[in-house]
């Protein structure tokens, strides 16, 4: 039986990288995308192949919706040449960027930039790839703990992540006839390169986050990938339309 295949946007580092490695550990083959850091992406591909799984990488800027038609063609060609198939099984919409600003300071350009990456891009990339997604597969959209709790400066980012959570429930409903599941993983504060590594670079912020987290520390990328990988297995076959927060119990 052929291995199942997962496509992970933004899989070259951070949560996307850990998800790719955790999925490879579960026997899946992987396609990851990167935006600018091809060396990081190639390193992840090598690590996956070292685990005995097939892997490939493609360039994608998830904020440039006009490129999605060409990207879908690249995915189709990669599936054929590298994996010997014409469909994949799991789509993980992980790629993103940080952006912070008080409501009084937000510009329309800043708003639109985050809109394209975090909601419009997720929506239309998913739409474009649905014809390549196997029936019985799944979609995992990455949201944020900031849709449940509020921190000043994150109104734009959190609003679009809330939209993604609503979109995910509609995906679950509309794709149910194809037995395609759709779920959300919402990480809490996590030390990665995200947002200019603002959390990793601030010991004061780390102390604040650890102080309001039940498990008493800040999250890492390695805390999140397993939850994403779980949703791409048969163990999660009856989990659908759900939001799973992976935050260590932040502000419970």
C-alpha atoms as a PDB file:
ATOM      1  CA  UNK A   1       0.000   0.000   0.000  1.00  0.00           C
ATOM      2  CA  UNK A   2       1.346   3.441  -0.931  1.00  0.00           C
ATOM      3  CA  UNK A   3       2.235   5.820   1.846  1.00  0.00           C
ATOM      4  CA  UNK A   4      -0.095   8.703   2.524  1.00  0.00           C
ATOM      5  CA  UNK A   5       1.205  12.157   1.665  1.00  0.00           C
ATOM      6  CA  UNK A   6       0.942  15.414   3.616  1.00  0.00           C
ATOM      7  CA  UNK A   7       1.506  18.890   2.178  1.00  0.00           C
ATOM      8  CA  UNK A   8       2.637  21.439   4.760  1.00  0.00           C
ATOM      9  CA  UNK A   9       2.922  25.132   3.956  1.00  0.00           C
ATOM     10  CA  UNK A  10       5.743  26.894   5.743  1.00  0.00           C
ATOM     11  CA  UNK A  11       7.423  23.594   6.548  1.00  0.00           C
ATOM     12  CA  UNK A  12      11.032  24.756   6.522  1.00  0.00           C
ATOM     13  CA  UNK A  13      11.245  25.800  10.178  1.00  0.00           C
ATOM     14  CA  UNK A  14       9.402  26.154  13.451  1.00  0.00           C
ATOM     15  CA  UNK A  15       6.057  24.422  13.898  1.00  0.00           C
ATOM     16  CA  UNK A  16       5.899  23.439  10.223  1.00  0.00           C
ATOM     17  CA  UNK A  17       9.280  21.725  10.408  1.00  0.00           C
ATOM     18  CA  UNK A  18       8.392  19.807  13.561  1.00  0.00           C
ATOM     19  CA  UNK A  19       5.068  18.773  12.046  1.00  0.00           C
ATOM     20  CA  UNK A  20       6.825  17.445   8.955  1.00  0.00           C
ATOM     21  CA  UNK A  21       9.236  15.382  11.045  1.00  0.00           C
ATOM     22  CA  UNK A  22       6.471  14.053  13.307  1.00  0.00           C
ATOM     23  CA  UNK A  23       4.391  13.062  10.285  1.00  0.00           C
ATOM     24  CA  UNK A  24       7.396  11.311   8.748  1.00  0.00           C
ATOM     25  CA  UNK A  25       7.788   9.377  12.003  1.00  0.00           C
ATOM     26  CA  UNK A  26       4.224   8.161  11.453  1.00  0.00           C
ATOM     27  CA  UNK A  27       5.099   6.844   8.000  1.00  0.00           C
ATOM     28  CA  UNK A  28       3.804   9.671   5.812  1.00  0.00           C
ATOM     29  CA  UNK A  29       5.606  11.122   2.822  1.00  0.00           C
ATOM     30  CA  UNK A  30       5.879  14.901   2.839  1.00  0.00           C
ATOM     31  CA  UNK A  31       5.764  17.946   0.590  1.00  0.00           C
ATOM     32  CA  UNK A  32       6.785  21.176   2.322  1.00  0.00           C
ATOM     33  CA  UNK A  33       6.726  24.719   1.050  1.00  0.00           C
ATOM     34  CA  UNK A  34       9.105  27.543   1.851  1.00  0.00           C
ATOM     35  CA  UNK A  35       9.004  31.222   0.996  1.00  0.00           C
ATOM     36  CA  UNK A  36      12.642  32.393   0.872  1.00  0.00           C
ATOM     37  CA  UNK A  37      14.797  29.988   2.920  1.00  0.00           C
ATOM     38  CA  UNK A  38      15.483  27.159   0.492  1.00  0.00           C
ATOM     39  CA  UNK A  39      18.458  25.860   2.491  1.00  0.00           C
ATOM     40  CA  UNK A  40      16.243  25.313   5.539  1.00  0.00           C
ATOM     41  CA  UNK A  41      13.681  23.527   3.374  1.00  0.00           C
ATOM     42  CA  UNK A  42      16.316  21.273   1.849  1.00  0.00           C
ATOM     43  CA  UNK A  43      17.550  20.431   5.347  1.00  0.00           C
ATOM     44  CA  UNK A  44      14.053  19.311   6.340  1.00  0.00           C
ATOM     45  CA  UNK A  45      13.749  17.200   3.194  1.00  0.00           C
ATOM     46  CA  UNK A  46      17.065  15.521   4.016  1.00  0.00           C
ATOM     47  CA  UNK A  47      15.923  14.829   7.594  1.00  0.00           C
ATOM     48  CA  UNK A  48      12.677  13.261   6.340  1.00  0.00           C
ATOM     49  CA  UNK A  49      14.517  11.110   3.815  1.00  0.00           C
ATOM     50  CA  UNK A  50      16.883   9.987   6.578  1.00  0.00           C
ATOM     51  CA  UNK A  51      13.796   8.595   8.318  1.00  0.00           C
ATOM     52  CA  UNK A  52      13.054   6.478   5.238  1.00  0.00           C
ATOM     53  CA  UNK A  53      10.232   8.627   3.830  1.00  0.00           C
ATOM     54  CA  UNK A  54       9.938  10.480   0.538  1.00  0.00           C
ATOM     55  CA  UNK A  55       9.991  14.266   0.632  1.00  0.00           C
ATOM     56  CA  UNK A  56       9.975  17.249  -1.708  1.00  0.00           C
ATOM     57  CA  UNK A  57       9.907  21.019  -1.362  1.00  0.00           C
ATOM     58  CA  UNK A  58       8.260  23.772  -3.414  1.00  0.00           C
ATOM     59  CA  UNK A  59       8.498  27.556  -3.203  1.00  0.00           C
ATOM     60  CA  UNK A  60       5.298  29.384  -2.246  1.00  0.00           C
ATOM     61  CA  UNK A  61       4.383  32.796  -0.913  1.00  0.00           C
ATOM     62  CA  UNK A  62       0.951  32.151   0.621  1.00  0.00           C
ATOM     63  CA  UNK A  63       0.106  35.845   0.433  1.00  0.00           C
ATOM     64  CA  UNK A  64       0.313  35.905  -3.386  1.00  0.00           C
ATOM     65  CA  UNK A  65      -3.022  34.395  -4.354  1.00  0.00           C
ATOM     66  CA  UNK A  66      -2.386  34.959  -8.079  1.00  0.00           C
ATOM     67  CA  UNK A  67       0.349  32.287  -7.994  1.00  0.00           C
ATOM     68  CA  UNK A  68      -1.870  29.499  -6.656  1.00  0.00           C
ATOM     69  CA  UNK A  69      -2.906  28.169 -10.066  1.00  0.00           C
ATOM     70  CA  UNK A  70       0.726  27.632 -11.037  1.00  0.00           C
ATOM     71  CA  UNK A  71       1.494  26.206  -7.603  1.00  0.00           C
ATOM     72  CA  UNK A  72      -1.283  23.624  -7.934  1.00  0.00           C
ATOM     73  CA  UNK A  73       0.242  22.564 -11.251  1.00  0.00           C
ATOM     74  CA  UNK A  74       3.627  22.215  -9.554  1.00  0.00           C
ATOM     75  CA  UNK A  75       2.071  20.079  -6.823  1.00  0.00           C
ATOM     76  CA  UNK A  76       0.420  17.849  -9.418  1.00  0.00           C
ATOM     77  CA  UNK A  77       3.711  17.441 -11.292  1.00  0.00           C
ATOM     78  CA  UNK A  78       5.629  16.739  -8.074  1.00  0.00           C
ATOM     79  CA  UNK A  79       3.123  14.115  -7.020  1.00  0.00           C
ATOM     80  CA  UNK A  80       3.555  12.388 -10.360  1.00  0.00           C
ATOM     81  CA  UNK A  81       7.335  12.552 -10.704  1.00  0.00           C
ATOM     82  CA  UNK A  82       8.403  12.190  -7.079  1.00  0.00           C
ATOM     83  CA  UNK A  83       5.670  10.107  -5.488  1.00  0.00           C
ATOM     84  CA  UNK A  84       4.127   8.200  -8.380  1.00  0.00           C
ATOM     85  CA  UNK A  85       0.577   9.393  -7.738  1.00  0.00           C
ATOM     86  CA  UNK A  86      -1.799  12.214  -8.627  1.00  0.00           C
ATOM     87  CA  UNK A  87      -3.330  13.048  -5.232  1.00  0.00           C
ATOM     88  CA  UNK A  88      -2.245  13.751  -1.671  1.00  0.00           C
ATOM     89  CA  UNK A  89      -4.011  13.073   1.610  1.00  0.00           C
ATOM     90  CA  UNK A  90      -3.497  15.878   4.121  1.00  0.00           C
ATOM     91  CA  UNK A  91      -3.193  19.645   3.774  1.00  0.00           C
ATOM     92  CA  UNK A  92      -1.682  21.560   6.691  1.00  0.00           C
ATOM     93  CA  UNK A  93      -2.108  25.325   6.290  1.00  0.00           C
ATOM     94  CA  UNK A  94       0.707  26.434   8.567  1.00  0.00           C
ATOM     95  CA  UNK A  95       2.607  29.228   6.789  1.00  0.00           C
ATOM     96  CA  UNK A  96       2.304  32.644   8.379  1.00  0.00           C
ATOM     97  CA  UNK A  97       3.979  35.786   9.571  1.00  0.00           C
ATOM     98  CA  UNK A  98       3.804  37.913  12.675  1.00  0.00           C
ATOM     99  CA  UNK A  99       2.388  41.391  12.786  1.00  0.00           C
ATOM    100  CA  UNK A 100       1.700  43.574  15.803  1.00  0.00           C
ATOM    101  CA  UNK A 101       0.202  47.000  16.298  1.00  0.00           C
ATOM    102  CA  UNK A 102      -2.326  48.851  18.402  1.00  0.00           C
ATOM    103  CA  UNK A 103      -5.702  49.359  16.761  1.00  0.00           C
ATOM    104  CA  UNK A 104      -5.027  53.108  16.558  1.00  0.00           C
ATOM    105  CA  UNK A 105      -1.816  52.461  14.602  1.00  0.00           C
ATOM    106  CA  UNK A 106      -2.940  49.790  12.100  1.00  0.00           C
ATOM    107  CA  UNK A 107      -2.681  50.860   8.471  1.00  0.00           C
ATOM    108  CA  UNK A 108      -4.674  49.442   5.587  1.00  0.00           C
ATOM    109  CA  UNK A 109      -1.481  48.091   4.003  1.00  0.00           C
ATOM    110  CA  UNK A 110      -0.557  46.254   7.215  1.00  0.00           C
ATOM    111  CA  UNK A 111      -4.108  44.903   7.468  1.00  0.00           C
ATOM    112  CA  UNK A 112      -4.161  43.697   3.870  1.00  0.00           C
ATOM    113  CA  UNK A 113      -0.754  42.028   4.178  1.00  0.00           C
ATOM    114  CA  UNK A 114      -1.921  39.899   7.101  1.00  0.00           C
ATOM    115  CA  UNK A 115      -5.290  39.312   5.438  1.00  0.00           C
ATOM    116  CA  UNK A 116      -3.646  37.813   2.366  1.00  0.00           C
ATOM    117  CA  UNK A 117      -1.341  35.487   4.302  1.00  0.00           C
ATOM    118  CA  UNK A 118      -3.535  34.429   7.183  1.00  0.00           C
ATOM    119  CA  UNK A 119      -7.023  34.222   5.734  1.00  0.00           C
ATOM    120  CA  UNK A 120      -7.411  34.960   2.035  1.00  0.00           C
ATOM    121  CA  UNK A 121      -4.389  32.816   1.217  1.00  0.00           C
ATOM    122  CA  UNK A 122      -5.583  29.932   3.408  1.00  0.00           C
ATOM    123  CA  UNK A 123      -9.053  30.100   1.880  1.00  0.00           C
ATOM    124  CA  UNK A 124      -8.062  30.160  -1.782  1.00  0.00           C
ATOM    125  CA  UNK A 125      -5.090  27.825  -1.523  1.00  0.00           C
ATOM    126  CA  UNK A 126      -7.352  25.249   0.085  1.00  0.00           C
ATOM    127  CA  UNK A 127      -9.949  25.814  -2.631  1.00  0.00           C
ATOM    128  CA  UNK A 128      -7.327  25.413  -5.363  1.00  0.00           C
ATOM    129  CA  UNK A 129      -5.927  22.162  -3.923  1.00  0.00           C
ATOM    130  CA  UNK A 130      -9.210  20.400  -3.159  1.00  0.00           C
ATOM    131  CA  UNK A 131      -9.213  18.616  -6.520  1.00  0.00           C
ATOM    132  CA  UNK A 132      -5.832  17.074  -5.625  1.00  0.00           C
ATOM    133  CA  UNK A 133      -6.881  16.013  -2.119  1.00  0.00           C
ATOM    134  CA  UNK A 134      -7.909  12.387  -1.707  1.00  0.00           C
ATOM    135  CA  UNK A 135     -11.366  11.541  -0.403  1.00  0.00           C
ATOM    136  CA  UNK A 136     -10.971  10.359   3.175  1.00  0.00           C
ATOM    137  CA  UNK A 137      -8.119  12.790   3.749  1.00  0.00           C
ATOM    138  CA  UNK A 138      -7.926  15.799   5.998  1.00  0.00           C
ATOM    139  CA  UNK A 139      -7.166  19.483   6.432  1.00  0.00           C
ATOM    140  CA  UNK A 140      -5.461  21.018   9.459  1.00  0.00           C
ATOM    141  CA  UNK A 141      -5.508  24.792   9.730  1.00  0.00           C
ATOM    142  CA  UNK A 142      -3.182  26.494  12.200  1.00  0.00           C
ATOM    143  CA  UNK A 143      -4.800  29.170  14.325  1.00  0.00           C
ATOM    144  CA  UNK A 144      -3.687  30.762  17.592  1.00  0.00           C
ATOM    145  CA  UNK A 145      -4.466  30.906  21.271  1.00  0.00           C
ATOM    146  CA  UNK A 146      -5.103  34.611  20.607  1.00  0.00           C
ATOM    147  CA  UNK A 147      -8.581  33.780  19.298  1.00  0.00           C
ATOM    148  CA  UNK A 148      -9.521  32.765  22.870  1.00  0.00           C
ATOM    149  CA  UNK A 149      -7.533  35.278  24.937  1.00  0.00           C
ATOM    150  CA  UNK A 150      -6.694  38.855  24.035  1.00  0.00           C
ATOM    151  CA  UNK A 151      -3.348  40.616  24.163  1.00  0.00           C
ATOM    152  CA  UNK A 152      -2.962  44.236  23.004  1.00  0.00           C
ATOM    153  CA  UNK A 153      -1.329  44.590  19.597  1.00  0.00           C
ATOM    154  CA  UNK A 154      -2.693  41.403  18.033  1.00  0.00           C
ATOM    155  CA  UNK A 155      -6.167  42.491  16.925  1.00  0.00           C
ATOM    156  CA  UNK A 156      -5.546  42.051  13.185  1.00  0.00           C
ATOM    157  CA  UNK A 157      -3.706  38.739  13.398  1.00  0.00           C
ATOM    158  CA  UNK A 158      -6.174  37.269  15.886  1.00  0.00           C
ATOM    159  CA  UNK A 159      -9.190  38.408  13.867  1.00  0.00           C
ATOM    160  CA  UNK A 160      -7.971  36.567  10.783  1.00  0.00           C
ATOM    161  CA  UNK A 161      -7.193  33.462  12.824  1.00  0.00           C
ATOM    162  CA  UNK A 162     -10.773  33.593  14.126  1.00  0.00           C
ATOM    163  CA  UNK A 163     -11.928  33.704  10.510  1.00  0.00           C
ATOM    164  CA  UNK A 164      -9.817  30.617   9.767  1.00  0.00           C
ATOM    165  CA  UNK A 165     -11.504  28.781  12.632  1.00  0.00           C
ATOM    166  CA  UNK A 166     -14.940  29.586  11.196  1.00  0.00           C
ATOM    167  CA  UNK A 167     -13.772  28.587   7.715  1.00  0.00           C
ATOM    168  CA  UNK A 168     -12.571  25.255   9.113  1.00  0.00           C
ATOM    169  CA  UNK A 169     -15.995  24.379  10.479  1.00  0.00           C
ATOM    170  CA  UNK A 170     -17.507  25.121   7.073  1.00  0.00           C
ATOM    171  CA  UNK A 171     -14.879  22.938   5.406  1.00  0.00           C
ATOM    172  CA  UNK A 172     -15.827  20.092   7.739  1.00  0.00           C
ATOM    173  CA  UNK A 173     -19.474  20.529   6.810  1.00  0.00           C
ATOM    174  CA  UNK A 174     -19.086  20.947   3.064  1.00  0.00           C
ATOM    175  CA  UNK A 175     -16.438  18.241   2.580  1.00  0.00           C
ATOM    176  CA  UNK A 176     -18.104  15.671   4.780  1.00  0.00           C
ATOM    177  CA  UNK A 177     -19.583  13.942   1.743  1.00  0.00           C
ATOM    178  CA  UNK A 178     -16.011  13.197   0.644  1.00  0.00           C
ATOM    179  CA  UNK A 179     -15.079  11.958   4.135  1.00  0.00           C
ATOM    180  CA  UNK A 180     -12.535  14.770   4.386  1.00  0.00           C
ATOM    181  CA  UNK A 181     -12.038  16.006   7.935  1.00  0.00           C
ATOM    182  CA  UNK A 182     -11.097  19.596   8.795  1.00  0.00           C
ATOM    183  CA  UNK A 183      -9.728  20.694  12.146  1.00  0.00           C
ATOM    184  CA  UNK A 184      -7.817  23.525  13.794  1.00  0.00           C
ATOM    185  CA  UNK A 185      -4.721  23.390  15.966  1.00  0.00           C
ATOM    186  CA  UNK A 186      -4.298  26.604  17.958  1.00  0.00           C
ATOM    187  CA  UNK A 187      -0.817  26.959  19.472  1.00  0.00           C
ATOM    188  CA  UNK A 188      -0.297  29.124  22.506  1.00  0.00           C
ATOM    189  CA  UNK A 189       2.756  31.341  22.891  1.00  0.00           C
ATOM    190  CA  UNK A 190       5.557  29.372  21.222  1.00  0.00           C
ATOM    191  CA  UNK A 191       9.263  30.135  20.914  1.00  0.00           C
ATOM    192  CA  UNK A 192      10.018  30.070  17.177  1.00  0.00           C
ATOM    193  CA  UNK A 193      11.246  32.541  14.534  1.00  0.00           C
ATOM    194  CA  UNK A 194       7.653  33.757  14.202  1.00  0.00           C
ATOM    195  CA  UNK A 195       7.171  37.514  14.487  1.00  0.00           C
ATOM    196  CA  UNK A 196      10.882  38.201  14.439  1.00  0.00           C
ATOM    197  CA  UNK A 197      11.355  35.712  17.309  1.00  0.00           C
ATOM    198  CA  UNK A 198       9.908  38.336  19.637  1.00  0.00           C
ATOM    199  CA  UNK A 199       9.034  35.757  22.302  1.00  0.00           C
ATOM    200  CA  UNK A 200      12.312  33.878  22.127  1.00  0.00           C
ATOM    201  CA  UNK A 201      14.236  37.155  22.376  1.00  0.00           C
ATOM    202  CA  UNK A 202      12.382  38.521  25.402  1.00  0.00           C
ATOM    203  CA  UNK A 203      13.032  36.895  28.774  1.00  0.00           C
ATOM    204  CA  UNK A 204      10.465  39.203  30.385  1.00  0.00           C
ATOM    205  CA  UNK A 205       7.732  38.040  28.013  1.00  0.00           C
ATOM    206  CA  UNK A 206       8.741  34.427  28.581  1.00  0.00           C
ATOM    207  CA  UNK A 207       8.382  34.884  32.333  1.00  0.00           C
ATOM    208  CA  UNK A 208       4.963  36.469  31.868  1.00  0.00           C
ATOM    209  CA  UNK A 209       3.742  33.638  29.633  1.00  0.00           C
ATOM    210  CA  UNK A 210       5.146  30.935  31.919  1.00  0.00           C
ATOM    211  CA  UNK A 211       3.421  32.585  34.871  1.00  0.00           C
ATOM    212  CA  UNK A 212      -0.040  32.265  33.306  1.00  0.00           C
ATOM    213  CA  UNK A 213       0.480  28.766  31.882  1.00  0.00           C
ATOM    214  CA  UNK A 214      -0.615  25.769  33.937  1.00  0.00           C
ATOM    215  CA  UNK A 215       2.455  23.727  32.977  1.00  0.00           C
ATOM    216  CA  UNK A 216       4.691  26.602  34.011  1.00  0.00           C
ATOM    217  CA  UNK A 217       6.749  27.227  30.884  1.00  0.00           C
ATOM    218  CA  UNK A 218       6.651  28.652  27.365  1.00  0.00           C
ATOM    219  CA  UNK A 219       5.902  26.329  24.451  1.00  0.00           C
ATOM    220  CA  UNK A 220       8.337  25.201  21.767  1.00  0.00           C
ATOM    221  CA  UNK A 221       7.783  24.013  18.206  1.00  0.00           C
ATOM    222  CA  UNK A 222       8.358  20.461  19.401  1.00  0.00           C
ATOM    223  CA  UNK A 223       5.272  20.777  21.624  1.00  0.00           C
ATOM    224  CA  UNK A 224       2.961  21.444  18.664  1.00  0.00           C
ATOM    225  CA  UNK A 225       3.912  19.134  15.788  1.00  0.00           C
ATOM    226  CA  UNK A 226       2.618  16.003  17.492  1.00  0.00           C
ATOM    227  CA  UNK A 227      -0.892  17.432  17.815  1.00  0.00           C
ATOM    228  CA  UNK A 228      -0.914  18.271  14.109  1.00  0.00           C
ATOM    229  CA  UNK A 229       0.436  14.841  13.173  1.00  0.00           C
ATOM    230  CA  UNK A 230      -2.224  13.123  15.300  1.00  0.00           C
ATOM    231  CA  UNK A 231      -4.967  14.749  13.231  1.00  0.00           C
ATOM    232  CA  UNK A 232      -3.422  13.199  10.100  1.00  0.00           C
ATOM    233  CA  UNK A 233      -3.818   9.621  11.321  1.00  0.00           C
ATOM    234  CA  UNK A 234      -6.587   7.056  11.595  1.00  0.00           C
ATOM    235  CA  UNK A 235      -6.528   7.572  15.370  1.00  0.00           C
ATOM    236  CA  UNK A 236      -8.235  10.916  14.683  1.00  0.00           C
ATOM    237  CA  UNK A 237     -10.712   9.611  12.123  1.00  0.00           C
ATOM    238  CA  UNK A 238     -13.729  10.743  14.218  1.00  0.00           C
ATOM    239  CA  UNK A 239     -12.298  14.180  15.085  1.00  0.00           C
ATOM    240  CA  UNK A 240     -13.863  16.720  12.762  1.00  0.00           C
ATOM    241  CA  UNK A 241     -14.675  20.418  12.876  1.00  0.00           C
ATOM    242  CA  UNK A 242     -12.772  20.860  16.123  1.00  0.00           C
ATOM    243  CA  UNK A 243     -10.383  23.427  17.589  1.00  0.00           C
ATOM    244  CA  UNK A 244      -7.552  21.842  19.584  1.00  0.00           C
ATOM    245  CA  UNK A 245      -5.516  24.310  21.610  1.00  0.00           C
ATOM    246  CA  UNK A 246      -1.910  23.326  22.323  1.00  0.00           C
ATOM    247  CA  UNK A 247      -0.858  25.906  24.892  1.00  0.00           C
ATOM    248  CA  UNK A 248       0.120  24.024  28.029  1.00  0.00           C
ATOM    249  CA  UNK A 249      -2.984  25.401  29.722  1.00  0.00           C
ATOM    250  CA  UNK A 250      -2.359  29.090  29.109  1.00  0.00           C
ATOM    251  CA  UNK A 251      -4.857  31.252  30.986  1.00  0.00           C
ATOM    252  CA  UNK A 252      -7.201  28.354  31.715  1.00  0.00           C
END
